[in-house]
């Protein structure tokens, strides 16, 4: 059995703010999985759908290459303000993040085809199937799509497993991930 993930002050503060705002944050084990994926991929360009208060952004950025850029999309201005606060508090340079306010399905079509190493989804579960389609377009070959709690959505799992452009795997705490062929 793996030891518990210990979070530093920056992550703990972002998690406390998430709880205070009623915004569920990813579990530490999911964060560790995201950091691992970003590290293995040597991720330079990552898209996150669902900024929240910055918990997942901190994990992703800690796994990305030092000059990598995280693009994070959320519809809630108060959450993005908290995420900016968390990122500043963790010493993340402003040029390493692009926080975009808006509905992901409106923003994603404007992003570069094949330009991303990793796309993480933790928002609007009703739109997960549509995010799947957009992610395949946005990811480079070998890039990874990861859904928080995606394994709990049978229709999504069936769709990802049936997609011959992806190699899927259910990983920690029900996270569904897939590599683009």
N, C-alpha and C. Protein backbone atom coordinates (compact mmCIF):
# COMPACT_ATOMS: atom_id res chain seq x y z
N UNK A 1 0.84 -1.19 0.00
CA UNK A 1 0.00 0.00 0.00
C UNK A 1 0.88 1.25 0.00
N UNK A 2 0.53 2.19 -0.86
CA UNK A 2 1.32 3.42 -0.99
C UNK A 2 1.09 4.33 0.21
N UNK A 3 2.13 5.08 0.61
CA UNK A 3 1.96 6.03 1.72
C UNK A 3 1.06 7.18 1.29
N UNK A 4 0.49 7.86 2.27
CA UNK A 4 -0.34 9.03 1.97
C UNK A 4 0.52 10.13 1.37
N UNK A 5 -0.08 10.92 0.50
CA UNK A 5 0.60 12.06 -0.11
C UNK A 5 0.56 13.20 0.90
N UNK A 6 1.72 13.78 1.18
CA UNK A 6 1.80 14.91 2.09
C UNK A 6 1.82 16.19 1.27
N UNK A 7 0.92 17.10 1.57
CA UNK A 7 0.84 18.36 0.83
C UNK A 7 1.54 19.48 1.59
N UNK A 8 2.18 20.37 0.83
CA UNK A 8 2.85 21.52 1.44
C UNK A 8 1.83 22.61 1.76
N UNK A 9 2.32 23.72 2.30
CA UNK A 9 1.45 24.82 2.72
C UNK A 9 0.64 25.41 1.57
N UNK A 10 1.24 25.52 0.39
CA UNK A 10 0.52 26.10 -0.76
C UNK A 10 -0.68 25.24 -1.15
N UNK A 11 -0.46 23.94 -1.23
CA UNK A 11 -1.56 23.03 -1.57
C UNK A 11 -2.61 23.00 -0.47
N UNK A 12 -2.17 22.97 0.77
CA UNK A 12 -3.12 22.94 1.90
C UNK A 12 -3.99 24.19 1.91
N UNK A 13 -3.38 25.35 1.67
CA UNK A 13 -4.13 26.61 1.66
C UNK A 13 -5.16 26.62 0.52
N UNK A 14 -4.76 26.16 -0.66
CA UNK A 14 -5.69 26.11 -1.80
C UNK A 14 -6.84 25.15 -1.50
N UNK A 15 -6.53 24.04 -0.85
CA UNK A 15 -7.55 23.06 -0.49
C UNK A 15 -8.54 23.64 0.53
N UNK A 16 -8.03 24.39 1.51
CA UNK A 16 -8.90 25.03 2.52
C UNK A 16 -9.83 26.03 1.85
N UNK A 17 -9.28 26.83 0.92
CA UNK A 17 -10.12 27.81 0.21
C UNK A 17 -11.18 27.11 -0.63
N UNK A 18 -10.82 25.97 -1.23
CA UNK A 18 -11.80 25.21 -2.01
C UNK A 18 -12.96 24.76 -1.13
N UNK A 19 -12.63 24.23 0.03
CA UNK A 19 -13.68 23.78 0.96
C UNK A 19 -14.56 24.94 1.40
N UNK A 20 -13.95 26.09 1.68
CA UNK A 20 -14.71 27.26 2.13
C UNK A 20 -15.66 27.75 1.04
N UNK A 21 -15.29 27.57 -0.22
CA UNK A 21 -16.12 28.02 -1.33
C UNK A 21 -17.06 26.92 -1.85
N UNK A 22 -17.00 25.74 -1.24
CA UNK A 22 -17.85 24.64 -1.68
C UNK A 22 -17.45 24.08 -3.04
N UNK A 23 -16.17 24.18 -3.35
CA UNK A 23 -15.63 23.70 -4.62
C UNK A 23 -14.80 22.46 -4.35
N UNK A 24 -15.28 21.28 -4.71
CA UNK A 24 -14.51 20.07 -4.43
C UNK A 24 -13.15 20.11 -5.14
N UNK A 25 -12.09 19.79 -4.41
CA UNK A 25 -10.74 19.73 -4.98
C UNK A 25 -10.35 18.26 -5.15
N UNK A 26 -9.46 18.00 -6.08
CA UNK A 26 -8.99 16.63 -6.29
C UNK A 26 -8.33 16.11 -5.02
N UNK A 27 -8.38 14.82 -4.84
CA UNK A 27 -7.72 14.18 -3.70
C UNK A 27 -6.21 14.19 -3.91
N UNK A 28 -5.42 14.17 -2.84
CA UNK A 28 -3.97 14.18 -2.98
C UNK A 28 -3.42 13.07 -3.87
N UNK A 29 -4.01 11.87 -3.81
CA UNK A 29 -3.53 10.78 -4.67
C UNK A 29 -3.77 11.07 -6.15
N UNK A 30 -4.86 11.74 -6.45
CA UNK A 30 -5.12 12.14 -7.84
C UNK A 30 -4.11 13.21 -8.25
N UNK A 31 -3.82 14.13 -7.34
CA UNK A 31 -2.80 15.14 -7.62
C UNK A 31 -1.44 14.51 -7.89
N UNK A 32 -1.08 13.52 -7.08
CA UNK A 32 0.19 12.82 -7.29
C UNK A 32 0.21 12.13 -8.65
N UNK A 33 -0.92 11.56 -9.07
CA UNK A 33 -1.00 10.92 -10.38
C UNK A 33 -0.83 11.96 -11.49
N UNK A 34 -1.42 13.13 -11.33
CA UNK A 34 -1.27 14.19 -12.33
C UNK A 34 0.17 14.66 -12.43
N UNK A 35 0.80 14.84 -11.28
CA UNK A 35 2.21 15.26 -11.29
C UNK A 35 3.07 14.20 -11.98
N UNK A 36 2.80 12.95 -11.68
CA UNK A 36 3.51 11.84 -12.33
C UNK A 36 3.33 11.88 -13.84
N UNK A 37 2.09 12.01 -14.30
CA UNK A 37 1.83 12.05 -15.74
C UNK A 37 2.56 13.22 -16.40
N UNK A 38 2.49 14.40 -15.80
CA UNK A 38 3.17 15.57 -16.36
C UNK A 38 4.68 15.36 -16.40
N UNK A 39 5.22 14.70 -15.39
CA UNK A 39 6.66 14.44 -15.34
C UNK A 39 7.07 13.43 -16.42
N UNK A 40 6.35 12.32 -16.51
CA UNK A 40 6.67 11.28 -17.49
C UNK A 40 6.57 11.83 -18.92
N UNK A 41 5.59 12.66 -19.15
CA UNK A 41 5.39 13.24 -20.48
C UNK A 41 6.37 14.38 -20.78
N UNK A 42 7.11 14.82 -19.74
CA UNK A 42 7.94 16.03 -19.86
C UNK A 42 7.08 17.14 -20.46
N UNK A 43 5.91 17.31 -19.87
CA UNK A 43 4.88 18.19 -20.40
C UNK A 43 5.33 19.65 -20.46
N UNK A 44 5.14 20.22 -21.64
CA UNK A 44 5.42 21.64 -21.89
C UNK A 44 4.12 22.44 -21.99
N UNK A 45 3.09 21.79 -22.51
CA UNK A 45 1.81 22.46 -22.73
C UNK A 45 0.69 21.56 -22.21
N UNK A 46 -0.04 22.07 -21.22
CA UNK A 46 -1.11 21.31 -20.57
C UNK A 46 -2.37 22.17 -20.55
N UNK A 47 -3.51 21.51 -20.76
CA UNK A 47 -4.81 22.16 -20.63
C UNK A 47 -5.52 21.53 -19.44
N UNK A 48 -6.10 22.39 -18.62
CA UNK A 48 -6.90 21.94 -17.47
C UNK A 48 -8.30 22.52 -17.63
N UNK A 49 -9.30 21.67 -17.56
CA UNK A 49 -10.68 22.13 -17.59
C UNK A 49 -11.21 22.04 -16.17
N UNK A 50 -11.47 23.18 -15.57
CA UNK A 50 -11.91 23.27 -14.18
C UNK A 50 -10.76 23.73 -13.30
N UNK A 51 -10.53 25.03 -13.26
CA UNK A 51 -9.43 25.60 -12.49
C UNK A 51 -9.60 25.40 -10.99
N UNK A 52 -10.84 25.54 -10.52
CA UNK A 52 -11.07 25.47 -9.08
C UNK A 52 -10.21 26.51 -8.38
N UNK A 53 -9.70 26.18 -7.22
CA UNK A 53 -8.86 27.12 -6.46
C UNK A 53 -7.37 26.89 -6.69
N UNK A 54 -7.03 26.06 -7.69
CA UNK A 54 -5.65 25.88 -8.07
C UNK A 54 -4.96 24.64 -7.56
N UNK A 55 -5.67 23.75 -6.89
CA UNK A 55 -5.05 22.55 -6.34
C UNK A 55 -4.45 21.70 -7.46
N UNK A 56 -5.24 21.35 -8.46
CA UNK A 56 -4.72 20.51 -9.54
C UNK A 56 -3.68 21.26 -10.36
N UNK A 57 -3.84 22.56 -10.53
CA UNK A 57 -2.85 23.36 -11.26
C UNK A 57 -1.48 23.26 -10.60
N UNK A 58 -1.44 23.33 -9.29
CA UNK A 58 -0.17 23.22 -8.57
C UNK A 58 0.48 21.86 -8.80
N UNK A 59 -0.29 20.81 -8.73
CA UNK A 59 0.25 19.48 -8.99
C UNK A 59 0.77 19.37 -10.42
N UNK A 60 -0.01 19.83 -11.38
CA UNK A 60 0.40 19.74 -12.78
C UNK A 60 1.69 20.53 -13.03
N UNK A 61 1.74 21.76 -12.55
CA UNK A 61 2.91 22.61 -12.77
C UNK A 61 4.16 22.02 -12.13
N UNK A 62 4.01 21.34 -11.03
CA UNK A 62 5.18 20.73 -10.36
C UNK A 62 5.73 19.55 -11.14
N UNK A 63 4.93 18.98 -12.02
CA UNK A 63 5.42 17.89 -12.85
C UNK A 63 5.89 18.33 -14.22
N UNK A 64 5.46 19.51 -14.65
CA UNK A 64 5.81 20.00 -15.98
C UNK A 64 7.26 20.47 -16.03
N UNK A 65 7.80 20.57 -17.25
CA UNK A 65 9.14 21.11 -17.41
C UNK A 65 9.14 22.56 -16.92
N UNK A 66 10.31 23.08 -16.50
CA UNK A 66 10.36 24.42 -15.88
C UNK A 66 9.79 25.56 -16.72
N UNK A 67 9.84 25.44 -18.04
CA UNK A 67 9.29 26.52 -18.87
C UNK A 67 7.92 26.16 -19.46
N UNK A 68 7.32 25.08 -18.96
CA UNK A 68 6.01 24.65 -19.44
C UNK A 68 4.91 25.63 -19.07
N UNK A 69 3.85 25.64 -19.88
CA UNK A 69 2.73 26.55 -19.66
C UNK A 69 1.44 25.76 -19.48
N UNK A 70 0.72 26.09 -18.42
CA UNK A 70 -0.58 25.49 -18.12
C UNK A 70 -1.68 26.46 -18.55
N UNK A 71 -2.59 25.98 -19.39
CA UNK A 71 -3.78 26.73 -19.77
C UNK A 71 -4.93 26.15 -18.97
N UNK A 72 -5.57 26.97 -18.14
CA UNK A 72 -6.64 26.49 -17.27
C UNK A 72 -7.92 27.27 -17.55
N UNK A 73 -9.02 26.54 -17.70
CA UNK A 73 -10.30 27.13 -18.09
C UNK A 73 -11.32 26.91 -16.98
N UNK A 74 -12.03 27.98 -16.65
CA UNK A 74 -13.11 27.88 -15.66
C UNK A 74 -14.13 28.98 -15.93
N UNK A 75 -15.38 28.73 -15.53
CA UNK A 75 -16.43 29.73 -15.73
C UNK A 75 -16.62 30.64 -14.53
N UNK A 76 -15.98 30.30 -13.40
CA UNK A 76 -16.23 31.04 -12.15
C UNK A 76 -15.09 32.01 -11.86
N UNK A 77 -15.36 33.32 -11.95
CA UNK A 77 -14.30 34.31 -11.71
C UNK A 77 -13.73 34.25 -10.29
N UNK A 78 -14.58 33.96 -9.30
CA UNK A 78 -14.09 33.91 -7.92
C UNK A 78 -13.12 32.74 -7.71
N UNK A 79 -13.34 31.64 -8.43
CA UNK A 79 -12.43 30.51 -8.32
C UNK A 79 -11.10 30.82 -9.01
N UNK A 80 -11.16 31.44 -10.17
CA UNK A 80 -9.91 31.78 -10.85
C UNK A 80 -9.11 32.80 -10.04
N UNK A 81 -9.79 33.70 -9.35
CA UNK A 81 -9.08 34.66 -8.49
C UNK A 81 -8.36 33.91 -7.36
N UNK A 82 -9.02 32.91 -6.80
CA UNK A 82 -8.39 32.10 -5.75
C UNK A 82 -7.23 31.27 -6.29
N UNK A 83 -7.39 30.77 -7.51
CA UNK A 83 -6.31 30.00 -8.14
C UNK A 83 -5.09 30.89 -8.36
N UNK A 84 -5.31 32.11 -8.83
CA UNK A 84 -4.19 33.06 -9.02
C UNK A 84 -3.48 33.29 -7.70
N UNK A 85 -4.25 33.44 -6.67
CA UNK A 85 -3.69 33.64 -5.32
C UNK A 85 -2.83 32.43 -4.91
N UNK A 86 -3.34 31.22 -5.16
CA UNK A 86 -2.61 30.00 -4.81
C UNK A 86 -1.32 29.89 -5.62
N UNK A 87 -1.39 30.20 -6.90
CA UNK A 87 -0.21 30.11 -7.77
C UNK A 87 0.85 31.13 -7.35
N UNK A 88 0.43 32.36 -7.05
CA UNK A 88 1.38 33.38 -6.57
C UNK A 88 2.00 32.94 -5.26
N UNK A 89 1.16 32.41 -4.36
CA UNK A 89 1.64 31.96 -3.05
C UNK A 89 2.65 30.83 -3.15
N UNK A 90 2.57 30.04 -4.22
CA UNK A 90 3.49 28.93 -4.42
C UNK A 90 4.73 29.36 -5.21
N UNK A 91 4.78 30.63 -5.59
CA UNK A 91 5.94 31.14 -6.32
C UNK A 91 5.95 30.79 -7.80
N UNK A 92 4.79 30.49 -8.36
CA UNK A 92 4.69 30.16 -9.79
C UNK A 92 4.74 31.48 -10.58
N UNK A 93 5.65 31.56 -11.53
CA UNK A 93 5.79 32.76 -12.36
C UNK A 93 4.52 32.95 -13.19
N UNK A 94 4.05 34.20 -13.32
CA UNK A 94 2.81 34.47 -14.07
C UNK A 94 2.85 33.96 -15.52
N UNK A 95 4.01 33.93 -16.16
CA UNK A 95 4.12 33.48 -17.54
C UNK A 95 3.94 31.99 -17.72
N UNK A 96 3.86 31.25 -16.62
CA UNK A 96 3.69 29.78 -16.71
C UNK A 96 2.23 29.37 -16.75
N UNK A 97 1.33 30.33 -16.59
CA UNK A 97 -0.09 29.99 -16.59
C UNK A 97 -0.87 30.93 -17.49
N UNK A 98 -1.91 30.38 -18.05
CA UNK A 98 -2.88 31.13 -18.84
C UNK A 98 -4.24 30.76 -18.29
N UNK A 99 -4.83 31.63 -17.49
CA UNK A 99 -6.16 31.35 -16.94
C UNK A 99 -7.19 31.99 -17.85
N UNK A 100 -8.06 31.16 -18.39
CA UNK A 100 -9.08 31.64 -19.33
C UNK A 100 -10.46 31.47 -18.70
N UNK A 101 -11.19 32.58 -18.64
CA UNK A 101 -12.54 32.55 -18.11
C UNK A 101 -13.49 32.22 -19.26
N UNK A 102 -14.30 31.21 -19.04
CA UNK A 102 -15.28 30.86 -20.06
C UNK A 102 -15.70 29.41 -19.95
N UNK A 103 -16.66 29.08 -20.76
CA UNK A 103 -17.16 27.70 -20.84
C UNK A 103 -16.17 26.91 -21.70
N UNK A 104 -15.69 25.79 -21.20
CA UNK A 104 -14.64 25.03 -21.88
C UNK A 104 -15.02 24.67 -23.31
N UNK A 105 -16.26 24.30 -23.54
CA UNK A 105 -16.66 23.91 -24.89
C UNK A 105 -16.65 25.08 -25.87
N UNK A 106 -16.63 26.31 -25.34
CA UNK A 106 -16.48 27.49 -26.19
C UNK A 106 -15.00 27.84 -26.39
N UNK A 107 -14.17 27.53 -25.41
CA UNK A 107 -12.74 27.88 -25.45
C UNK A 107 -11.93 26.84 -26.21
N UNK A 108 -12.17 25.57 -25.97
CA UNK A 108 -11.35 24.50 -26.56
C UNK A 108 -11.22 24.58 -28.09
N UNK A 109 -12.28 24.90 -28.83
CA UNK A 109 -12.13 24.98 -30.29
C UNK A 109 -11.12 26.03 -30.75
N UNK A 110 -10.79 26.98 -29.89
CA UNK A 110 -9.84 28.03 -30.26
C UNK A 110 -8.39 27.64 -29.96
N UNK A 111 -8.18 26.48 -29.32
CA UNK A 111 -6.83 26.04 -28.99
C UNK A 111 -6.22 25.24 -30.15
N UNK A 112 -4.91 25.17 -30.18
CA UNK A 112 -4.16 24.59 -31.29
C UNK A 112 -4.26 23.08 -31.38
N UNK A 113 -4.63 22.58 -32.54
CA UNK A 113 -4.68 21.14 -32.81
C UNK A 113 -3.30 20.53 -32.58
N UNK A 114 -3.25 19.40 -31.85
CA UNK A 114 -2.01 18.67 -31.64
C UNK A 114 -0.96 19.43 -30.84
N UNK A 115 -1.36 20.46 -30.13
CA UNK A 115 -0.40 21.32 -29.44
C UNK A 115 -0.19 21.02 -27.97
N UNK A 116 -0.83 19.97 -27.43
CA UNK A 116 -0.79 19.76 -25.98
C UNK A 116 -0.32 18.36 -25.62
N UNK A 117 0.39 18.29 -24.50
CA UNK A 117 0.93 17.04 -23.99
C UNK A 117 -0.05 16.32 -23.07
N UNK A 118 -0.87 17.09 -22.38
CA UNK A 118 -1.76 16.55 -21.36
C UNK A 118 -3.00 17.44 -21.27
N UNK A 119 -4.15 16.80 -21.15
CA UNK A 119 -5.39 17.53 -20.94
C UNK A 119 -6.09 16.87 -19.76
N UNK A 120 -6.33 17.66 -18.70
CA UNK A 120 -6.97 17.15 -17.49
C UNK A 120 -8.35 17.78 -17.35
N UNK A 121 -9.35 16.94 -17.08
CA UNK A 121 -10.73 17.39 -16.97
C UNK A 121 -11.27 17.11 -15.57
N UNK A 122 -11.74 18.17 -14.92
CA UNK A 122 -12.37 18.06 -13.60
C UNK A 122 -13.47 19.11 -13.48
N UNK A 123 -14.43 19.06 -14.40
CA UNK A 123 -15.53 20.04 -14.38
C UNK A 123 -16.66 19.52 -15.26
N UNK A 124 -17.86 19.97 -15.00
CA UNK A 124 -19.04 19.72 -15.84
C UNK A 124 -19.08 18.29 -16.39
N UNK A 125 -19.28 17.34 -15.49
CA UNK A 125 -19.27 15.93 -15.88
C UNK A 125 -20.25 15.62 -17.01
N UNK A 126 -21.30 16.39 -17.12
CA UNK A 126 -22.26 16.18 -18.21
C UNK A 126 -21.62 16.43 -19.57
N UNK A 127 -20.51 17.17 -19.61
CA UNK A 127 -19.82 17.48 -20.86
C UNK A 127 -18.60 16.61 -21.11
N UNK A 128 -18.34 15.61 -20.26
CA UNK A 128 -17.13 14.79 -20.40
C UNK A 128 -17.01 14.17 -21.79
N UNK A 129 -18.10 13.68 -22.36
CA UNK A 129 -18.02 13.05 -23.69
C UNK A 129 -17.57 14.07 -24.74
N UNK A 130 -18.05 15.29 -24.65
CA UNK A 130 -17.64 16.34 -25.59
C UNK A 130 -16.18 16.72 -25.37
N UNK A 131 -15.72 16.73 -24.11
CA UNK A 131 -14.31 17.01 -23.83
C UNK A 131 -13.43 15.92 -24.43
N UNK A 132 -13.90 14.69 -24.40
CA UNK A 132 -13.17 13.57 -25.00
C UNK A 132 -12.88 13.87 -26.46
N UNK A 133 -13.89 14.27 -27.20
CA UNK A 133 -13.72 14.56 -28.63
C UNK A 133 -12.73 15.71 -28.85
N UNK A 134 -12.87 16.76 -28.09
CA UNK A 134 -11.96 17.91 -28.22
C UNK A 134 -10.53 17.52 -27.85
N UNK A 135 -10.36 16.72 -26.82
CA UNK A 135 -9.03 16.34 -26.35
C UNK A 135 -8.26 15.58 -27.41
N UNK A 136 -8.92 14.68 -28.10
CA UNK A 136 -8.23 13.90 -29.13
C UNK A 136 -7.67 14.84 -30.20
N UNK A 137 -8.39 15.87 -30.52
CA UNK A 137 -7.93 16.86 -31.50
C UNK A 137 -6.76 17.68 -30.96
N UNK A 138 -6.82 18.03 -29.68
CA UNK A 138 -5.82 18.92 -29.09
C UNK A 138 -4.51 18.23 -28.73
N UNK A 139 -4.56 16.93 -28.42
CA UNK A 139 -3.36 16.23 -27.96
C UNK A 139 -2.42 15.86 -29.10
N UNK A 140 -1.14 15.93 -28.82
CA UNK A 140 -0.12 15.43 -29.75
C UNK A 140 -0.13 13.90 -29.64
N UNK A 141 0.43 13.19 -30.61
CA UNK A 141 0.57 11.73 -30.45
C UNK A 141 1.39 11.44 -29.19
N UNK A 142 0.91 10.53 -28.36
CA UNK A 142 1.56 10.22 -27.09
C UNK A 142 1.06 11.07 -25.94
N UNK A 143 0.27 12.10 -26.26
CA UNK A 143 -0.31 12.94 -25.21
C UNK A 143 -1.36 12.17 -24.44
N UNK A 144 -1.69 12.68 -23.25
CA UNK A 144 -2.60 11.96 -22.35
C UNK A 144 -3.81 12.82 -21.98
N UNK A 145 -4.95 12.18 -22.00
CA UNK A 145 -6.22 12.75 -21.55
C UNK A 145 -6.54 12.09 -20.21
N UNK A 146 -6.85 12.90 -19.19
CA UNK A 146 -7.19 12.35 -17.87
C UNK A 146 -8.47 13.01 -17.37
N UNK A 147 -9.39 12.16 -16.89
CA UNK A 147 -10.66 12.62 -16.34
C UNK A 147 -10.70 12.32 -14.85
N UNK A 148 -10.93 13.32 -14.01
CA UNK A 148 -11.17 13.08 -12.59
C UNK A 148 -12.52 12.39 -12.48
N UNK A 149 -12.59 11.33 -11.74
CA UNK A 149 -13.83 10.58 -11.52
C UNK A 149 -14.45 10.04 -12.80
N UNK A 150 -13.70 10.02 -13.88
CA UNK A 150 -14.23 9.55 -15.15
C UNK A 150 -14.61 8.08 -15.14
N UNK A 151 -13.91 7.30 -14.31
CA UNK A 151 -14.19 5.86 -14.26
C UNK A 151 -15.57 5.58 -13.68
N UNK A 152 -16.16 6.56 -13.01
CA UNK A 152 -17.50 6.41 -12.45
C UNK A 152 -18.59 6.74 -13.43
N UNK A 153 -18.24 7.03 -14.66
CA UNK A 153 -19.21 7.38 -15.70
C UNK A 153 -19.16 6.31 -16.79
N UNK A 154 -20.00 5.28 -16.67
CA UNK A 154 -19.92 4.12 -17.59
C UNK A 154 -19.97 4.49 -19.07
N UNK A 155 -20.79 5.45 -19.44
CA UNK A 155 -20.89 5.84 -20.85
C UNK A 155 -19.57 6.43 -21.35
N UNK A 156 -18.94 7.25 -20.52
CA UNK A 156 -17.64 7.83 -20.88
C UNK A 156 -16.59 6.73 -21.01
N UNK A 157 -16.55 5.82 -20.05
CA UNK A 157 -15.57 4.73 -20.08
C UNK A 157 -15.74 3.92 -21.36
N UNK A 158 -16.98 3.58 -21.70
CA UNK A 158 -17.24 2.82 -22.93
C UNK A 158 -16.75 3.60 -24.15
N UNK A 159 -17.03 4.89 -24.18
CA UNK A 159 -16.62 5.71 -25.32
C UNK A 159 -15.11 5.81 -25.46
N UNK A 160 -14.42 6.00 -24.35
CA UNK A 160 -12.95 6.11 -24.40
C UNK A 160 -12.33 4.77 -24.76
N UNK A 161 -12.84 3.68 -24.16
CA UNK A 161 -12.30 2.35 -24.47
C UNK A 161 -12.59 1.94 -25.92
N UNK A 162 -13.66 2.44 -26.51
CA UNK A 162 -14.00 2.09 -27.89
C UNK A 162 -13.26 2.96 -28.91
N UNK A 163 -12.61 4.01 -28.47
CA UNK A 163 -11.93 4.96 -29.36
C UNK A 163 -10.56 4.40 -29.75
N UNK A 164 -10.41 3.97 -31.00
CA UNK A 164 -9.15 3.35 -31.41
C UNK A 164 -8.00 4.35 -31.55
N UNK A 165 -8.26 5.61 -31.31
CA UNK A 165 -7.20 6.62 -31.31
C UNK A 165 -6.55 6.73 -29.93
N UNK A 166 -7.10 6.00 -28.94
CA UNK A 166 -6.65 6.11 -27.55
C UNK A 166 -6.30 4.75 -26.97
N UNK A 167 -5.37 4.77 -26.01
CA UNK A 167 -5.04 3.59 -25.21
C UNK A 167 -5.45 3.95 -23.77
N UNK A 168 -6.58 3.43 -23.29
CA UNK A 168 -7.14 3.84 -22.00
C UNK A 168 -6.66 3.01 -20.81
N UNK A 169 -6.81 3.60 -19.63
CA UNK A 169 -6.49 2.93 -18.37
C UNK A 169 -7.23 3.64 -17.24
N UNK A 170 -7.85 2.87 -16.35
CA UNK A 170 -8.42 3.44 -15.14
C UNK A 170 -7.31 3.41 -14.09
N UNK A 171 -6.99 4.58 -13.54
CA UNK A 171 -5.93 4.67 -12.52
C UNK A 171 -6.49 5.21 -11.23
N UNK A 172 -5.67 5.59 -10.32
CA UNK A 172 -6.00 5.92 -8.94
C UNK A 172 -7.34 6.61 -8.73
N UNK A 173 -8.04 6.18 -7.70
CA UNK A 173 -9.29 6.79 -7.27
C UNK A 173 -10.30 7.01 -8.38
N UNK A 174 -10.33 6.09 -9.32
CA UNK A 174 -11.32 6.20 -10.38
C UNK A 174 -10.96 7.14 -11.50
N UNK A 175 -9.74 7.66 -11.53
CA UNK A 175 -9.34 8.53 -12.63
C UNK A 175 -9.25 7.69 -13.90
N UNK A 176 -9.83 8.20 -14.97
CA UNK A 176 -9.74 7.56 -16.27
C UNK A 176 -8.72 8.34 -17.09
N UNK A 177 -7.74 7.65 -17.64
CA UNK A 177 -6.73 8.28 -18.48
C UNK A 177 -6.63 7.52 -19.78
N UNK A 178 -6.14 8.20 -20.82
CA UNK A 178 -5.94 7.56 -22.11
C UNK A 178 -4.84 8.30 -22.85
N UNK A 179 -3.96 7.53 -23.47
CA UNK A 179 -2.89 8.09 -24.30
C UNK A 179 -3.34 8.10 -25.74
N UNK A 180 -3.02 9.19 -26.43
CA UNK A 180 -3.37 9.28 -27.85
C UNK A 180 -2.33 8.49 -28.66
N UNK A 181 -2.83 7.66 -29.55
CA UNK A 181 -1.95 6.84 -30.39
C UNK A 181 -1.29 7.72 -31.43
